Protein backbone atom coordinates (compact mmCIF):
# COMPACT_ATOMS: atom_id res chain seq x y z
CA MET A 1 -6.37 -30.84 1.41
CA LEU A 2 -4.99 -27.43 2.24
CA THR A 3 -7.27 -25.32 4.38
CA ILE A 4 -6.12 -21.74 4.70
CA ASN A 5 -8.85 -20.89 7.19
CA ASP A 6 -12.57 -21.44 7.19
CA SER A 7 -13.68 -17.82 6.92
CA HIS A 8 -11.27 -17.16 4.01
CA GLN A 9 -12.27 -20.41 2.32
CA ARG A 10 -15.96 -19.46 2.41
CA THR A 11 -15.25 -15.95 1.18
CA THR A 12 -13.07 -17.22 -1.66
CA LYS A 13 -15.61 -19.85 -2.69
CA HIS A 14 -18.46 -17.33 -2.56
CA TYR A 15 -16.46 -14.93 -4.73
CA ALA A 16 -15.65 -17.71 -7.21
CA VAL A 17 -19.32 -18.67 -7.49
CA GLN A 18 -20.21 -15.02 -8.10
CA MET A 19 -17.62 -14.98 -10.89
CA ALA A 20 -19.28 -18.07 -12.45
CA ILE A 21 -16.47 -20.50 -11.64
CA GLU A 22 -17.69 -24.06 -11.15
CA THR A 23 -15.98 -24.77 -7.85
CA GLY A 24 -17.08 -28.36 -7.29
CA THR A 25 -14.40 -30.08 -5.25
CA MET A 26 -11.59 -27.67 -6.18
CA SER A 27 -8.85 -27.28 -3.61
CA ASN A 28 -8.32 -23.80 -2.18
CA VAL A 29 -5.16 -23.38 -4.25
CA ASP A 30 -6.91 -24.38 -7.50
CA LEU A 31 -9.75 -22.03 -6.63
CA VAL A 32 -7.38 -19.09 -6.12
CA TRP A 33 -5.53 -19.95 -9.36
CA ALA A 34 -8.84 -19.94 -11.27
CA LEU A 35 -9.70 -16.54 -9.81
CA GLN A 36 -6.24 -15.19 -10.62
CA ASP A 37 -6.63 -16.39 -14.20
CA LEU A 38 -10.10 -14.86 -14.48
CA GLU A 39 -8.71 -11.53 -13.26
CA ASN A 40 -5.85 -11.72 -15.83
CA HIS A 41 -3.15 -12.27 -13.21
CA ALA A 42 -0.46 -14.92 -13.16
CA GLN A 43 -1.52 -18.15 -11.45
CA CYS A 44 1.23 -17.81 -8.90
CA PHE A 45 -0.52 -18.36 -5.54
CA GLY A 46 1.83 -20.26 -3.24
CA SER A 47 4.49 -20.78 -5.88
CA LEU A 48 6.84 -17.79 -5.56
CA PRO A 49 9.50 -17.54 -2.84
CA GLU A 50 9.40 -13.73 -3.06
CA CYS A 51 6.49 -11.66 -4.33
CA GLY A 52 6.57 -8.02 -5.32
CA GLU A 53 2.81 -7.76 -5.84
CA LEU A 54 1.90 -5.70 -2.78
CA ASN A 55 -1.77 -5.17 -3.72
CA CYS A 56 -2.67 -8.80 -4.34
CA ARG A 57 -5.83 -9.93 -2.55
CA TRP A 58 -4.16 -13.29 -1.82
CA ARG A 59 -0.76 -11.98 -0.63
CA ASN A 60 -1.12 -12.67 3.09
CA ASN A 61 -2.32 -16.26 2.67
CA CYS A 62 0.11 -16.85 -0.18
CA GLN A 63 3.08 -15.88 1.96
CA LYS A 64 1.86 -18.14 4.78
CA LEU A 65 1.52 -21.05 2.36
CA THR A 66 4.96 -20.42 0.86
CA GLU A 67 6.52 -20.27 4.35
CA PHE A 68 4.74 -23.50 5.33
CA VAL A 69 6.00 -25.33 2.22
CA ASN A 70 9.54 -24.00 2.73
CA ASN A 71 9.53 -25.26 6.33
CA ILE A 72 8.39 -28.71 5.21
CA ASN A 73 11.14 -28.78 2.57
CA LYS A 74 13.74 -27.80 5.17
CA SER A 75 12.52 -30.55 7.51
CA ASN A 76 12.69 -33.14 4.72
CA ARG A 77 16.27 -32.12 3.89
CA LYS A 78 17.30 -32.63 7.54
CA ILE A 79 15.83 -36.15 7.51
CA ALA A 80 17.52 -37.19 4.23
C-alpha cells in the first residue's frame, strides 16, 4: 500500500468522508482519484510525467509519486 505521509493521509481521508465518499479500505491513490472525480477533474494523480496544473491540491504529492515510480522503472530497466 502506498502511504504518502500520515498527516496527508488523514487529511485526505477526512476530506473524502466530508464529501460523502465511502472510503473503506481505499488506497490513497484511489481516494485521491475519487476526490478528483467528485471535483470534476481528471483522475490523473500519479499518472502524468509532466503536469501543467499548478493549482492542484495534490500536485506536490503527485510529483513525488511520479518521481518514485519513474525511479523504480529506471532501476528495473538496469536489472533487465
